Amino acid sequence: MRPAGRKSVTIPLNGAEYLELDAKSSEAGLSLPAYVRTCCGLAAWIARSSEMALRPRQPSRRPSRALDRMAVTLVLSGEEFAELRSRSREIGTTLPQYIRTRCGFEIRNTSLPNTPEREREEDEAWARLQRLGLEPQAYFPADG
């Protein structure tokens, strides 16, 4: 149960983007949502008890495909939500897409198969996996 005044925002990601955030959050010793909060200039946690601070970071669910549809959900205070929503409106996008840009990703609304947008997403995912030191072929289905 979420305390009053807090709001959830779900950020859409593909599998390669998720793996990148997972690597960065692991390096920072933070959960994925906590890391994304820091990308937005917020504190990693709204409130964290000393018991929670001592818990080790839990491994995240890893996608098996580069273009798997994944998501990260953030919990924001009412003030944080209003501030980020205001910033997103200034650049003419939605709050989830604005948060994507704060994480270093492009605004991406849809990417249907056999379209230039999908080809670009595939190319970006391939390059992202290579930068992470992963074998891209393992994350794309075989043609055929």
Protein backbone atom coordinates (compact mmCIF):
# COMPACT_ATOMS: atom_id res chain seq x y z
CA MET A 1 0.00 0.00 0.00
CA ARG A 2 1.38 3.37 -1.08
CA PRO A 3 1.27 6.28 1.41
CA ALA A 4 -1.09 9.13 0.55
CA GLY A 5 0.24 11.66 -1.91
CA ARG A 6 2.56 9.27 -3.71
CA LYS A 7 2.16 8.45 -7.38
CA SER A 8 3.50 5.70 -9.60
CA VAL A 9 4.95 6.26 -13.05
CA THR A 10 5.83 3.33 -15.33
CA ILE A 11 8.63 3.83 -17.84
CA PRO A 12 8.59 1.64 -20.98
CA LEU A 13 11.90 0.09 -22.02
CA ASN A 14 13.08 -2.55 -24.43
CA GLY A 15 15.22 -5.43 -23.23
CA ALA A 16 18.53 -3.84 -24.23
CA GLU A 17 17.65 -0.57 -22.49
CA TYR A 18 16.63 -2.53 -19.40
CA LEU A 19 19.96 -4.38 -19.39
CA GLU A 20 21.82 -1.07 -19.61
CA LEU A 21 19.89 0.40 -16.67
CA ASP A 22 20.41 -2.84 -14.74
CA ALA A 23 24.18 -2.62 -15.27
CA LYS A 24 24.31 1.05 -14.26
CA SER A 25 22.10 0.55 -11.21
CA SER A 26 24.16 -2.45 -10.13
CA GLU A 27 27.36 -0.44 -10.46
CA ALA A 28 25.77 2.29 -8.32
CA GLY A 29 24.54 -0.28 -5.76
CA LEU A 30 20.94 0.83 -6.27
CA SER A 31 17.72 -0.82 -7.32
CA LEU A 32 16.54 -0.01 -10.85
CA PRO A 33 13.80 2.37 -9.65
CA ALA A 34 16.19 4.09 -7.23
CA TYR A 35 18.75 4.56 -10.00
CA VAL A 36 16.13 6.00 -12.37
CA ARG A 37 15.10 8.45 -9.64
CA THR A 38 18.72 9.68 -9.47
CA CYS A 39 18.75 10.13 -13.26
CA CYS A 40 15.88 12.57 -12.74
CA GLY A 41 17.83 14.52 -10.13
CA LEU A 42 15.86 13.05 -7.23
CA ALA A 43 17.05 11.26 -4.12
CA ALA A 44 17.32 7.52 -4.67
CA TRP A 45 14.55 6.87 -2.15
CA ILE A 46 11.68 8.90 -0.80
CA ALA A 47 12.34 7.33 2.60
CA ARG A 48 14.49 4.37 3.47
CA SER A 49 14.70 2.78 6.88
CA SER A 50 18.03 1.61 8.26
CA GLU A 51 16.81 -1.96 7.84
CA MET A 52 16.24 -1.36 4.11
CA ALA A 53 19.61 0.36 3.76
CA LEU A 54 21.37 -2.80 4.96
CA ARG A 55 19.63 -5.13 2.51
CA PRO A 56 21.71 -6.15 -0.50
CA ARG A 57 20.57 -5.15 -3.96
CA GLN A 58 18.27 -7.81 -5.39
CA PRO A 59 19.04 -9.11 -8.89
CA SER A 60 16.52 -8.01 -11.45
CA ARG A 61 14.61 -10.10 -13.95
CA ARG A 62 16.69 -10.18 -17.11
CA PRO A 63 15.09 -10.02 -20.54
CA SER A 64 15.87 -12.82 -22.97
CA ARG A 65 15.39 -10.70 -26.11
CA ALA A 66 16.73 -7.26 -27.03
CA LEU A 67 13.28 -5.96 -27.93
CA ASP A 68 11.31 -7.58 -25.09
CA ARG A 69 8.92 -5.01 -23.67
CA MET A 70 9.97 -4.22 -20.13
CA ALA A 71 9.10 -1.52 -17.63
CA VAL A 72 10.39 0.15 -14.50
CA THR A 73 7.90 1.70 -12.09
CA LEU A 74 8.88 4.67 -9.95
CA VAL A 75 7.09 5.90 -6.87
CA LEU A 76 7.15 9.69 -6.62
CA SER A 77 5.96 12.10 -3.98
CA GLY A 78 3.23 14.48 -5.09
CA GLU A 79 5.78 17.31 -5.35
CA GLU A 80 8.24 15.20 -7.36
CA PHE A 81 5.46 14.09 -9.69
CA ALA A 82 4.32 17.69 -10.26
CA GLU A 83 7.88 18.91 -10.90
CA LEU A 84 8.73 16.14 -13.38
CA ARG A 85 5.37 16.46 -15.13
CA SER A 86 5.96 20.21 -15.50
CA ARG A 87 9.39 19.55 -17.05
CA SER A 88 7.90 16.97 -19.43
CA ARG A 89 5.25 19.43 -20.57
CA GLU A 90 7.92 22.08 -21.22
CA ILE A 91 9.47 19.82 -23.85
CA GLY A 92 6.11 18.59 -25.13
CA THR A 93 6.18 14.95 -24.10
CA THR A 94 4.65 12.60 -21.56
CA LEU A 95 6.13 12.05 -18.13
CA PRO A 96 7.27 8.45 -18.88
CA GLN A 97 8.96 9.59 -22.11
CA TYR A 98 10.61 12.51 -20.30
CA ILE A 99 12.03 10.11 -17.71
CA ARG A 100 13.36 7.93 -20.57
CA THR A 101 15.31 10.97 -21.84
CA ARG A 102 16.73 11.57 -18.35
CA CYS A 103 18.05 8.00 -18.44
CA GLY A 104 19.77 8.71 -21.77
CA PHE A 105 17.22 7.04 -24.03
CA GLU A 106 15.30 8.48 -26.96
CA ILE A 107 11.62 9.22 -26.84
CA ARG A 108 10.05 6.12 -28.36
CA ASN A 109 6.29 5.75 -28.53
CA THR A 110 5.86 2.79 -30.87
CA SER A 111 7.99 0.55 -33.00
CA LEU A 112 5.91 -1.74 -35.18
CA PRO A 113 7.53 -4.68 -37.02
CA ASN A 114 8.79 -4.01 -40.55
CA THR A 115 8.96 -0.23 -40.12
CA PRO A 116 11.92 2.15 -40.18
CA GLU A 117 11.31 2.84 -36.47
CA ARG A 118 11.72 -0.87 -35.64
CA GLU A 119 14.88 -1.12 -37.72
CA ARG A 120 16.35 1.86 -35.86
CA GLU A 121 15.34 0.34 -32.50
CA GLU A 122 17.00 -2.95 -33.49
CA ASP A 123 20.19 -1.16 -34.56
CA GLU A 124 20.29 0.84 -31.32
CA ALA A 125 19.67 -2.30 -29.24
CA TRP A 126 22.45 -4.16 -31.08
CA ALA A 127 24.93 -1.33 -30.43
CA ARG A 128 23.80 -1.01 -26.78
CA LEU A 129 24.35 -4.74 -26.15
CA GLN A 130 27.82 -4.51 -27.69
CA ARG A 131 28.70 -1.54 -25.44
CA LEU A 132 27.61 -3.63 -22.46
CA GLY A 133 30.02 -6.38 -23.53
CA LEU A 134 27.19 -8.77 -24.37
CA GLU A 135 26.83 -10.89 -27.50
CA PRO A 136 23.96 -9.24 -29.44
CA GLN A 137 23.11 -12.38 -31.45
CA ALA A 138 22.02 -14.06 -28.23
CA TYR A 139 19.31 -11.41 -27.75
CA PHE A 140 17.77 -11.47 -31.22
CA PRO A 141 15.59 -14.30 -32.58
CA ALA A 142 17.05 -16.21 -35.52
CA ASP A 143 15.66 -15.11 -38.88
CA GLY A 144 13.47 -17.54 -40.62
